[in-house]
Amino acid sequence: MKQNNLSTPKQDTLNVSFICTQPINLSLEMYSKLTTSKYNISEINSFSNNKFSMQWMSDFTNKNNIFDYLFSIRTGKSFFNENLKNDLNKSQFHVNDMSISKYLNSDNIKYDLVFDLKFLYFLLIYEIEFTFPVDILEKILEKKKNNLYHIVRKLLVKEDEKCQISRWSSNIVDASMKDIMKIMKLFNLTFNKKDFNILNNSGNISVFVTDKTYNKTNKDISNLFVECNEYSERLNIHTKPIYVDDSVSYSFYGRFHTITVVDEKYILRYMPIQFQMQFLWFLINYYNKFIDKINIDLLDKKNEIKLEEQNELISELINKIEMLVMHNDRFITAIEIDNELIYKHIEKKWNILNSLDNSKKYMTFFKGYLERVYSKKIAQAQKKQNRILFGISFLQITALISVWTDYLSLLNEQSIKNIDEILFLFSNSKENLMLFNKYIPLGLLSMTFIALLYLVIWRKR
């Protein structure tokens, strides 16, 4: 490992905050019902509140009204904190064979279960803070399997089915799921626990290192964290910080992001940007997955779907994408200079705006396609109805022939004589009347045969 000159530290300790955003996944079937359901907003508002345990969320929301449709369903500042300390004392959560429980700042352990009323999804946010002596940094950040980054992620994020997260976060997830069930009852929907879950490997962690002696010419501590960040990513990549000055070193990666600052006030400034990126990334991918499912359902001939309902659902999703675009525009305006300094670089790295625009175009095209399919189905139904009416006409002709036959069987010399004067006006003679009575059924039968022949040829076409 590359050695950094930390033998003469300029400060004894530094604070490190790990902030993890983790979306709660809703089944596509449940989200379909949720998106098109009718609900009482006042009831939901009464269950929710806009007081977040995260100061950066509260400050940004109060100042800019960007996330004013986000509500904290369950807030926790000391909930299960003793469990977290106990977890860190377990060998499976030791950082490079060392327990870091004594460095945990219990007063700064927080979490929020957030509900988004506009886009209708749930999100868990964790914040864990440590105060580390500078002289142990090389050990806990060493490029090994159980370094600081790996262990914190192991506490919060289940990578696969074999992994076991900490008891602390597991209890929070269980309590949060119960709260989600309460919220869903307000939408008058039937659901089960399988409709809500946290997907494996879902959770993005922003690491804020408060180094009061940091400057861009002396970055020893910052480099240690960045190197550990790079090592802990799934892909072996090396990237330069997207922004550096004498107060900040901002490195943006994949699963982790390391931001070194000289003062904790910068967390209030930069964490909303981190949150916004995760917010957009999750929703764009979720909506694209949604459209793919609808497309597959349409191609599956065995799957009988109601095109009118699907068309309504696509319209709702297009509306959500439009709101997402407007939300992002408002956010860019709110962060002012940080849009040019930081946000645009992050967006370009993750291709967020192009993905957002492509999602919008894809959904608009798909809605048009769905409408064409729906129109084709209506036309086919109309043709089928016409054939049925055509068949009914044949039955009516057959019935008319039957009635005429009954009429002929009742005719005799006396009855003809009684109506002779009336019939003479149309037939001029009894002979013509008899011929008319004789050949009209044959004419009707001929017309029926010709119509049936035409129907067969028409169907083949």
Protein backbone atom coordinates (compact mmCIF):
# COMPACT_ATOMS: atom_id res chain seq x y z
CA MET A 1 0.00 0.00 0.00
CA LYS A 2 1.13 3.50 -0.76
CA GLN A 3 2.27 5.16 2.45
CA ASN A 4 0.97 8.63 3.25
CA ASN A 5 2.82 11.06 5.45
CA LEU A 6 0.64 11.02 8.57
CA SER A 7 3.42 10.65 11.13
CA THR A 8 2.97 14.25 12.24
CA PRO A 9 -0.79 14.82 12.16
CA LYS A 10 -2.05 18.36 12.20
CA GLN A 11 -5.14 17.32 14.11
CA ASP A 12 -5.78 14.51 16.54
CA THR A 13 -9.22 13.37 15.34
CA LEU A 14 -11.64 13.88 12.48
CA ASN A 15 -15.35 13.21 11.97
CA VAL A 16 -16.51 10.86 9.24
CA SER A 17 -20.20 10.67 8.31
CA PHE A 18 -21.65 7.81 6.25
CA ILE A 19 -25.02 8.69 4.68
CA CYS A 20 -26.77 5.85 2.88
CA THR A 21 -29.84 6.23 0.63
CA GLN A 22 -31.76 3.01 0.05
CA PRO A 23 -34.98 2.81 -2.03
CA ILE A 24 -37.83 0.50 -1.00
CA ASN A 25 -38.77 -1.50 -4.05
CA LEU A 26 -42.50 -1.80 -4.89
CA SER A 27 -43.68 -4.61 -7.12
CA LEU A 28 -44.73 -3.39 -10.56
CA GLU A 29 -48.24 -4.75 -9.99
CA MET A 30 -48.58 -2.77 -6.75
CA TYR A 31 -47.19 0.41 -8.31
CA SER A 32 -49.70 0.06 -11.16
CA LYS A 33 -52.55 0.04 -8.65
CA LEU A 34 -50.96 2.79 -6.57
CA THR A 35 -50.42 5.12 -9.53
CA THR A 36 -54.01 4.90 -10.77
CA SER A 37 -55.70 4.76 -7.35
CA LYS A 38 -57.75 7.51 -5.72
CA TYR A 39 -56.69 8.59 -2.26
CA ASN A 40 -57.34 11.22 0.37
CA ILE A 41 -54.28 13.46 0.60
CA SER A 42 -55.34 14.95 3.94
CA GLU A 43 -55.32 11.49 5.55
CA ILE A 44 -51.80 10.84 4.28
CA ASN A 45 -50.61 14.26 5.41
CA SER A 46 -51.97 13.63 8.88
CA PHE A 47 -49.92 10.42 9.08
CA SER A 48 -46.78 12.11 7.77
CA ASN A 49 -44.63 15.02 8.83
CA ASN A 50 -41.97 17.18 7.24
CA LYS A 51 -39.59 17.10 10.18
CA PHE A 52 -36.56 15.09 9.18
CA SER A 53 -33.92 13.83 11.55
CA MET A 54 -31.37 14.67 8.81
CA GLN A 55 -30.48 18.34 9.11
CA TRP A 56 -29.40 18.62 5.47
CA MET A 57 -32.83 17.44 4.34
CA SER A 58 -34.71 19.77 6.66
CA ASP A 59 -32.62 22.81 5.75
CA PHE A 60 -32.77 22.26 2.02
CA THR A 61 -36.52 21.59 2.06
CA ASN A 62 -37.30 24.64 4.19
CA LYS A 63 -35.16 26.98 2.12
CA ASN A 64 -36.04 25.83 -1.39
CA ASN A 65 -39.29 23.82 -1.24
CA ILE A 66 -37.71 21.36 -3.68
CA PHE A 67 -38.56 18.28 -1.63
CA ASP A 68 -41.75 19.70 -0.14
CA TYR A 69 -43.68 16.59 -1.23
CA LEU A 70 -41.37 14.33 0.79
CA PHE A 71 -42.55 13.27 4.24
CA SER A 72 -40.79 11.50 7.04
CA ILE A 73 -42.93 8.55 8.10
CA ARG A 74 -40.57 7.28 10.77
CA THR A 75 -37.70 9.33 12.15
CA GLY A 76 -35.05 7.99 14.46
CA LYS A 77 -32.19 9.66 16.28
CA SER A 78 -31.41 7.10 18.96
CA PHE A 79 -33.61 4.21 17.87
CA PHE A 80 -31.77 0.86 18.23
CA ASN A 81 -28.46 2.69 18.73
CA GLU A 82 -27.26 0.23 21.32
CA ASN A 83 -27.81 -2.51 18.76
CA LEU A 84 -25.44 -0.75 16.38
CA LYS A 85 -22.70 -0.62 19.00
CA ASN A 86 -23.20 -4.30 19.73
CA ASP A 87 -23.05 -5.09 16.02
CA LEU A 88 -19.74 -3.27 15.64
CA ASN A 89 -18.31 -5.39 18.45
CA LYS A 90 -19.06 -8.60 16.54
CA SER A 91 -16.13 -10.08 14.64
CA GLN A 92 -18.03 -10.08 11.32
CA PHE A 93 -18.20 -6.27 11.52
CA HIS A 94 -14.63 -5.64 12.65
CA VAL A 95 -12.69 -3.24 10.44
CA ASN A 96 -9.45 -4.96 9.47
CA ASP A 97 -9.60 -7.08 12.65
CA MET A 98 -10.42 -4.11 14.87
CA SER A 99 -13.68 -3.05 16.54
CA ILE A 100 -14.59 0.56 15.85
CA SER A 101 -17.59 0.71 18.20
CA LYS A 102 -15.83 3.07 20.60
CA TYR A 103 -15.41 5.62 17.82
CA LEU A 104 -19.15 5.72 17.10
CA ASN A 105 -20.89 9.02 17.86
CA SER A 106 -24.15 7.75 19.35
CA ASP A 107 -25.77 11.20 19.31
CA ASN A 108 -25.29 11.41 15.55
CA ILE A 109 -26.87 8.12 14.53
CA LYS A 110 -30.02 8.94 12.55
CA TYR A 111 -32.40 7.54 10.01
CA ASP A 112 -35.56 8.55 8.17
CA LEU A 113 -38.19 6.54 6.34
CA VAL A 114 -39.26 8.96 3.61
CA PHE A 115 -42.46 8.82 1.56
CA ASP A 116 -42.67 10.69 -1.73
CA LEU A 117 -46.27 11.79 -2.27
CA LYS A 118 -45.62 13.05 -5.81
CA PHE A 119 -43.81 10.02 -7.22
CA LEU A 120 -45.27 7.49 -4.75
CA TYR A 121 -42.27 5.63 -3.43
CA PHE A 122 -40.49 5.00 -0.13
CA LEU A 123 -36.85 5.56 0.75
CA LEU A 124 -34.70 4.76 3.79
CA ILE A 125 -31.90 7.17 4.68
CA TYR A 126 -29.24 6.29 7.27
CA GLU A 127 -26.63 8.56 8.79
CA ILE A 128 -23.81 7.18 10.93
CA GLU A 129 -20.99 9.31 12.30
CA PHE A 130 -17.60 8.29 13.71
CA THR A 131 -14.80 10.28 15.28
CA PHE A 132 -11.50 8.59 14.41
CA PRO A 133 -8.04 9.35 15.73
CA VAL A 134 -5.88 10.30 12.77
CA ASP A 135 -3.22 7.75 13.72
CA ILE A 136 -5.51 4.76 13.04
CA LEU A 137 -6.62 5.88 9.57
CA GLU A 138 -3.99 3.92 7.69
CA LYS A 139 -5.12 0.72 9.42
CA ILE A 140 -8.88 1.07 8.96
CA LEU A 141 -8.55 2.34 5.38
CA GLU A 142 -6.03 -0.25 4.28
CA LYS A 143 -6.89 -1.91 0.98
CA LYS A 144 -8.28 -5.13 2.40
CA LYS A 145 -11.55 -6.98 2.19
CA ASN A 146 -12.78 -5.68 5.56
CA ASN A 147 -11.76 -2.04 5.32
CA LEU A 148 -13.90 0.79 6.72
CA TYR A 149 -15.95 1.26 3.54
CA HIS A 150 -16.73 -2.42 3.14
CA ILE A 151 -17.81 -2.87 6.75
CA VAL A 152 -20.13 0.15 6.83
CA ARG A 153 -21.76 -1.08 3.63
CA LYS A 154 -22.03 -4.55 5.15
CA LEU A 155 -23.91 -3.02 8.11
CA LEU A 156 -26.56 -1.51 5.85
CA VAL A 157 -26.69 -3.22 2.46
CA LYS A 158 -27.44 -6.84 1.68
CA GLU A 159 -25.26 -7.69 -1.31
CA ASP A 160 -26.79 -11.13 -1.94
CA GLU A 161 -28.96 -13.73 -0.25
CA LYS A 162 -26.02 -15.10 1.76
CA CYS A 163 -25.23 -11.75 3.37
CA GLN A 164 -26.55 -10.79 6.79
CA ILE A 165 -26.89 -7.07 7.55
CA SER A 166 -26.55 -5.66 11.06
CA ARG A 167 -29.21 -6.20 13.67
CA TRP A 168 -29.51 -2.41 13.94
CA SER A 169 -30.49 -1.84 10.30
CA SER A 170 -32.54 -5.05 10.17
CA ASN A 171 -34.73 -3.81 13.04
CA ILE A 172 -35.15 -0.45 11.31
CA VAL A 173 -36.21 -2.18 8.09
CA ASP A 174 -38.77 -4.32 9.94
CA ALA A 175 -40.23 -1.31 11.76
CA SER A 176 -40.30 0.68 8.52
CA MET A 177 -42.14 -2.06 6.64
CA LYS A 178 -44.90 -1.99 9.27
CA ASP A 179 -45.23 1.75 8.78
CA ILE A 180 -45.41 1.28 5.02
CA MET A 181 -48.29 -1.17 5.48
CA LYS A 182 -50.17 1.47 7.49
CA ILE A 183 -49.67 4.05 4.77
CA MET A 184 -50.83 1.66 2.04
CA LYS A 185 -54.12 1.06 3.82
CA LEU A 186 -54.93 4.73 3.21
CA PHE A 187 -54.93 3.99 -0.53
CA ASN A 188 -57.63 1.30 -0.09
CA LEU A 189 -55.51 -1.33 -1.86
CA THR A 190 -55.05 -5.01 -1.18
CA PHE A 191 -51.40 -5.98 -0.84
CA ASN A 192 -49.03 -8.37 0.88
CA LYS A 193 -45.49 -8.19 2.25
CA LYS A 194 -44.01 -9.48 -1.01
CA ASP A 195 -45.09 -6.26 -2.71
CA PHE A 196 -42.45 -4.31 -0.74
CA ASN A 197 -38.81 -5.23 -0.33
CA ILE A 198 -35.28 -3.88 -0.45
CA LEU A 199 -33.41 -5.30 -3.42
CA ASN A 200 -29.98 -6.82 -2.96
CA ASN A 201 -27.06 -4.48 -3.62
CA SER A 202 -29.28 -1.39 -3.45
CA GLY A 203 -27.86 1.38 -1.35
CA ASN A 204 -25.55 4.26 -2.20
CA ILE A 205 -23.20 5.66 0.43
CA SER A 206 -21.83 9.19 0.59
CA VAL A 207 -18.80 9.56 2.87
CA PHE A 208 -18.16 13.03 4.29
CA VAL A 209 -14.71 13.46 5.84
CA THR A 210 -14.35 16.60 7.95
CA ASP A 211 -10.66 17.47 7.82
CA LYS A 212 -10.22 20.95 9.27
CA THR A 213 -6.63 21.13 8.02
CA TYR A 214 -7.46 20.10 4.46
CA ASN A 215 -6.21 22.11 1.51
CA LYS A 216 -5.68 21.10 -2.10
CA THR A 217 -1.89 21.11 -1.79
CA ASN A 218 -1.88 18.87 1.30
CA LYS A 219 -4.37 16.03 0.73
CA ASP A 220 -2.82 13.12 2.64
CA ILE A 221 -5.95 12.24 4.62
CA SER A 222 -8.26 12.83 1.65
CA ASN A 223 -6.11 10.58 -0.55
CA LEU A 224 -6.35 7.75 1.98
CA PHE A 225 -10.14 7.83 1.87
CA VAL A 226 -10.28 8.16 -1.93
CA GLU A 227 -7.93 5.20 -2.41
CA CYS A 228 -10.06 3.11 -0.06
CA ASN A 229 -13.16 4.24 -1.98
CA GLU A 230 -11.66 3.12 -5.29
CA TYR A 231 -10.60 -0.23 -3.88
CA SER A 232 -14.10 -0.83 -2.48
CA GLU A 233 -15.92 -0.30 -5.78
CA ARG A 234 -17.08 -3.34 -7.74
CA LEU A 235 -15.28 -2.08 -10.84
CA ASN A 236 -11.58 -1.38 -10.72
CA ILE A 237 -11.58 2.26 -11.78
CA HIS A 238 -9.50 5.34 -11.12
CA THR A 239 -11.03 8.78 -11.54
CA LYS A 240 -10.09 12.29 -10.67
CA PRO A 241 -12.21 14.34 -8.25
CA ILE A 242 -14.95 16.23 -10.06
CA TYR A 243 -14.22 19.31 -7.98
CA VAL A 244 -11.30 20.47 -5.81
CA ASP A 245 -10.50 23.71 -4.02
CA ASP A 246 -9.02 24.69 -0.65
CA SER A 247 -12.22 23.71 1.18
CA VAL A 248 -13.48 20.66 -0.71
CA SER A 249 -12.37 17.54 -2.53
CA TYR A 250 -15.40 16.00 -4.24
CA SER A 251 -14.96 12.46 -5.62
CA PHE A 252 -17.94 10.73 -7.20
CA TYR A 253 -17.82 6.99 -7.95
CA GLY A 254 -20.44 4.23 -8.01
CA ARG A 255 -21.36 2.54 -4.73
CA PHE A 256 -19.44 5.07 -2.61
CA HIS A 257 -18.64 8.77 -2.93
CA THR A 258 -15.99 10.54 -0.88
CA ILE A 259 -16.25 14.24 -0.11
CA THR A 260 -13.58 15.82 2.07
CA VAL A 261 -14.53 19.17 3.61
CA VAL A 262 -12.98 21.58 6.09
CA ASP A 263 -16.27 22.18 7.90
CA GLU A 264 -19.38 20.05 8.48
CA LYS A 265 -21.56 22.85 7.11
CA TYR A 266 -20.60 21.60 3.65
CA ILE A 267 -22.67 18.48 4.29
CA LEU A 268 -25.76 20.72 4.24
CA ARG A 269 -24.62 22.05 0.88
CA TYR A 270 -23.54 18.88 -0.90
CA MET A 271 -25.68 16.06 0.47
CA PRO A 272 -28.83 17.31 -1.34
CA ILE A 273 -26.87 16.94 -4.60
CA GLN A 274 -25.95 13.37 -3.67
CA PHE A 275 -29.55 12.62 -2.76
CA GLN A 276 -30.87 14.11 -6.00
CA MET A 277 -28.60 11.88 -8.07
CA GLN A 278 -29.82 8.73 -6.31
CA PHE A 279 -33.39 9.97 -6.52
CA LEU A 280 -33.21 10.41 -10.32
CA TRP A 281 -31.20 7.25 -10.93
CA PHE A 282 -33.67 5.06 -9.07
CA LEU A 283 -36.85 6.50 -10.61
CA ILE A 284 -35.56 6.54 -14.20
CA ASN A 285 -34.49 2.89 -14.00
CA TYR A 286 -37.71 1.91 -12.25
CA TYR A 287 -39.92 3.54 -14.90
CA ASN A 288 -37.90 1.97 -17.71
CA LYS A 289 -38.33 -1.43 -16.09
CA PHE A 290 -42.04 -0.72 -15.83
CA ILE A 291 -42.38 0.01 -19.55
CA ASP A 292 -40.40 -3.12 -20.43
CA LYS A 293 -42.85 -5.20 -18.43
CA ILE A 294 -45.85 -3.69 -20.21
CA ASN A 295 -44.15 -4.32 -23.55
CA ILE A 296 -43.54 -7.98 -22.69
CA ASP A 297 -47.16 -8.36 -21.56
CA LEU A 298 -48.33 -7.04 -24.93
CA LEU A 299 -46.14 -9.51 -26.83
CA ASP A 300 -47.29 -12.46 -24.72
CA LYS A 301 -50.37 -13.80 -26.52
CA LYS A 302 -51.32 -15.87 -23.48
CA ASN A 303 -51.48 -12.76 -21.32
CA GLU A 304 -54.89 -11.12 -21.65
CA ILE A 305 -54.39 -7.47 -20.76
CA LYS A 306 -56.85 -4.60 -20.82
CA LEU A 307 -55.43 -2.12 -23.29
CA GLU A 308 -57.56 0.75 -22.02
CA GLU A 309 -56.17 0.31 -18.49
CA GLN A 310 -52.61 0.00 -19.81
CA ASN A 311 -53.08 3.17 -21.84
CA GLU A 312 -54.22 5.00 -18.69
CA LEU A 313 -51.20 3.67 -16.79
CA ILE A 314 -48.75 4.81 -19.49
CA SER A 315 -50.35 8.26 -19.38
CA GLU A 316 -49.73 8.38 -15.62
CA LEU A 317 -46.10 7.33 -16.09
CA ILE A 318 -45.56 9.98 -18.78
CA ASN A 319 -46.96 12.51 -16.33
CA LYS A 320 -44.50 11.29 -13.69
CA ILE A 321 -41.58 11.70 -16.12
CA GLU A 322 -42.72 15.24 -16.95
CA MET A 323 -42.86 16.06 -13.23
CA LEU A 324 -39.39 14.54 -12.80
CA VAL A 325 -38.02 16.83 -15.52
CA MET A 326 -39.61 19.89 -13.88
CA HIS A 327 -38.35 18.80 -10.47
CA ASN A 328 -34.80 18.51 -11.81
CA ASP A 329 -35.02 21.97 -13.40
CA ARG A 330 -36.15 23.44 -10.08
CA PHE A 331 -33.31 21.67 -8.27
CA ILE A 332 -30.69 23.02 -10.69
CA THR A 333 -31.99 26.53 -10.09
CA ALA A 334 -31.84 26.03 -6.31
CA ILE A 335 -28.20 24.89 -6.15
CA GLU A 336 -27.04 27.89 -8.22
CA ILE A 337 -23.26 27.86 -8.74
CA ASP A 338 -22.91 24.20 -7.70
CA ASN A 339 -24.71 23.25 -10.89
CA GLU A 340 -21.70 24.29 -12.98
CA LEU A 341 -19.07 23.29 -10.43
CA ILE A 342 -20.40 19.86 -9.46
CA TYR A 343 -23.87 18.81 -10.59
CA LYS A 344 -23.22 18.86 -14.34
CA HIS A 345 -20.13 16.70 -13.88
CA ILE A 346 -22.06 14.12 -11.89
CA GLU A 347 -24.94 14.15 -14.36
CA LYS A 348 -22.53 13.60 -17.25
CA LYS A 349 -20.79 10.78 -15.42
CA TRP A 350 -24.06 8.90 -14.85
CA ASN A 351 -25.73 10.16 -18.05
CA ILE A 352 -28.76 11.23 -16.03
CA LEU A 353 -30.34 13.91 -18.22
CA ASN A 354 -29.96 11.88 -21.43
CA SER A 355 -31.55 8.91 -19.67
CA LEU A 356 -34.37 11.14 -18.46
CA ASP A 357 -34.97 12.51 -21.94
CA ASN A 358 -34.82 9.05 -23.53
CA SER A 359 -37.30 7.72 -20.98
CA LYS A 360 -39.69 10.52 -21.85
CA LYS A 361 -39.39 9.86 -25.61
CA TYR A 362 -39.72 6.11 -25.11
CA MET A 363 -42.86 6.44 -23.03
CA THR A 364 -44.45 8.89 -25.48
CA PHE A 365 -43.70 6.55 -28.39
CA PHE A 366 -44.96 3.58 -26.42
CA LYS A 367 -48.20 5.36 -25.59
CA GLY A 368 -48.74 6.01 -29.31
CA TYR A 369 -48.01 2.36 -30.04
CA LEU A 370 -50.45 1.28 -27.35
CA GLU A 371 -53.13 3.55 -28.78
CA ARG A 372 -52.61 2.04 -32.24
CA VAL A 373 -52.92 -1.46 -30.83
CA TYR A 374 -56.03 -0.40 -28.96
CA SER A 375 -57.54 1.09 -32.14
CA LYS A 376 -56.76 -2.12 -34.03
CA LYS A 377 -58.49 -4.14 -31.34
CA ILE A 378 -61.54 -1.86 -31.56
CA ALA A 379 -61.60 -2.23 -35.36
CA GLN A 380 -61.40 -6.02 -35.07
CA ALA A 381 -64.21 -5.99 -32.54
CA GLN A 382 -66.25 -3.81 -34.93
CA LYS A 383 -65.69 -6.28 -37.78
CA LYS A 384 -66.76 -9.13 -35.58
CA GLN A 385 -69.88 -7.22 -34.60
CA ASN A 386 -70.67 -6.54 -38.28
CA ARG A 387 -70.41 -10.25 -39.07
CA ILE A 388 -72.77 -11.04 -36.23
CA LEU A 389 -75.27 -8.49 -37.54
CA PHE A 390 -74.84 -9.98 -41.00
CA GLY A 391 -75.67 -13.41 -39.58
CA ILE A 392 -78.71 -12.04 -37.82
CA SER A 393 -79.89 -10.65 -41.16
CA PHE A 394 -79.67 -14.15 -42.69
CA LEU A 395 -81.74 -15.53 -39.85
CA GLN A 396 -84.31 -12.83 -40.45
CA ILE A 397 -84.49 -13.71 -44.17
CA THR A 398 -84.90 -17.38 -43.27
CA ALA A 399 -87.67 -16.45 -40.86
CA LEU A 400 -89.32 -14.37 -43.60
CA ILE A 401 -89.26 -17.37 -45.96
CA SER A 402 -90.84 -19.46 -43.24
CA VAL A 403 -93.58 -16.88 -42.74
CA TRP A 404 -94.19 -16.72 -46.50
CA THR A 405 -94.43 -20.49 -46.64
CA ASP A 406 -97.06 -20.40 -43.91
CA TYR A 407 -98.86 -17.71 -45.89
CA LEU A 408 -98.90 -19.87 -49.04
CA SER A 409 -100.26 -22.85 -47.12
CA LEU A 410 -103.24 -20.75 -46.00
CA LEU A 411 -104.09 -19.48 -49.50
CA ASN A 412 -107.15 -20.98 -51.27
CA GLU A 413 -109.69 -19.88 -53.88
CA GLN A 414 -111.97 -18.32 -51.29
CA SER A 415 -109.23 -16.24 -49.63
CA ILE A 416 -107.93 -15.10 -53.01
CA LYS A 417 -111.43 -14.09 -54.03
CA ASN A 418 -111.89 -12.02 -50.84
CA ILE A 419 -108.76 -9.94 -51.43
CA ASP A 420 -108.93 -10.00 -55.21
CA GLU A 421 -109.66 -6.30 -55.61
CA ILE A 422 -106.68 -5.26 -53.47
CA LEU A 423 -104.21 -7.72 -55.07
CA PHE A 424 -105.33 -6.77 -58.58
CA LEU A 425 -103.86 -3.30 -58.03
CA PHE A 426 -100.34 -4.89 -57.77
CA SER A 427 -100.57 -8.07 -59.84
CA ASN A 428 -103.26 -7.27 -62.48
CA SER A 429 -104.32 -10.94 -62.49
CA LYS A 430 -104.66 -14.03 -60.33
CA GLU A 431 -102.03 -15.81 -62.43
CA ASN A 432 -99.44 -13.11 -61.73
CA LEU A 433 -100.24 -13.28 -58.02
CA MET A 434 -99.71 -17.04 -57.97
CA LEU A 435 -96.40 -16.67 -59.81
CA PHE A 436 -95.29 -13.98 -57.34
CA ASN A 437 -96.20 -16.18 -54.39
CA LYS A 438 -94.33 -19.06 -55.99
CA TYR A 439 -91.07 -17.34 -56.85
CA ILE A 440 -90.57 -14.82 -53.98
CA PRO A 441 -89.23 -17.56 -51.60
CA LEU A 442 -86.84 -18.69 -54.33
CA GLY A 443 -85.68 -15.10 -54.73
CA LEU A 444 -85.09 -14.75 -51.00
CA LEU A 445 -83.14 -18.01 -50.92
CA SER A 446 -81.02 -16.84 -53.84
CA MET A 447 -80.26 -13.54 -52.09
CA THR A 448 -79.30 -15.44 -48.93
CA PHE A 449 -76.94 -17.73 -50.87
CA ILE A 450 -75.28 -14.77 -52.65
CA ALA A 451 -74.85 -12.94 -49.33
CA LEU A 452 -73.29 -16.02 -47.70
CA LEU A 453 -70.93 -16.46 -50.66
CA TYR A 454 -69.90 -12.80 -50.38
CA LEU A 455 -69.31 -13.19 -46.63
CA VAL A 456 -66.98 -16.16 -47.19
CA ILE A 457 -64.95 -14.25 -49.82
CA TRP A 458 -64.87 -11.13 -47.57
CA ARG A 459 -63.53 -13.11 -44.60
CA LYS A 460 -60.75 -14.63 -46.73
CA ARG A 461 -59.64 -11.15 -47.72
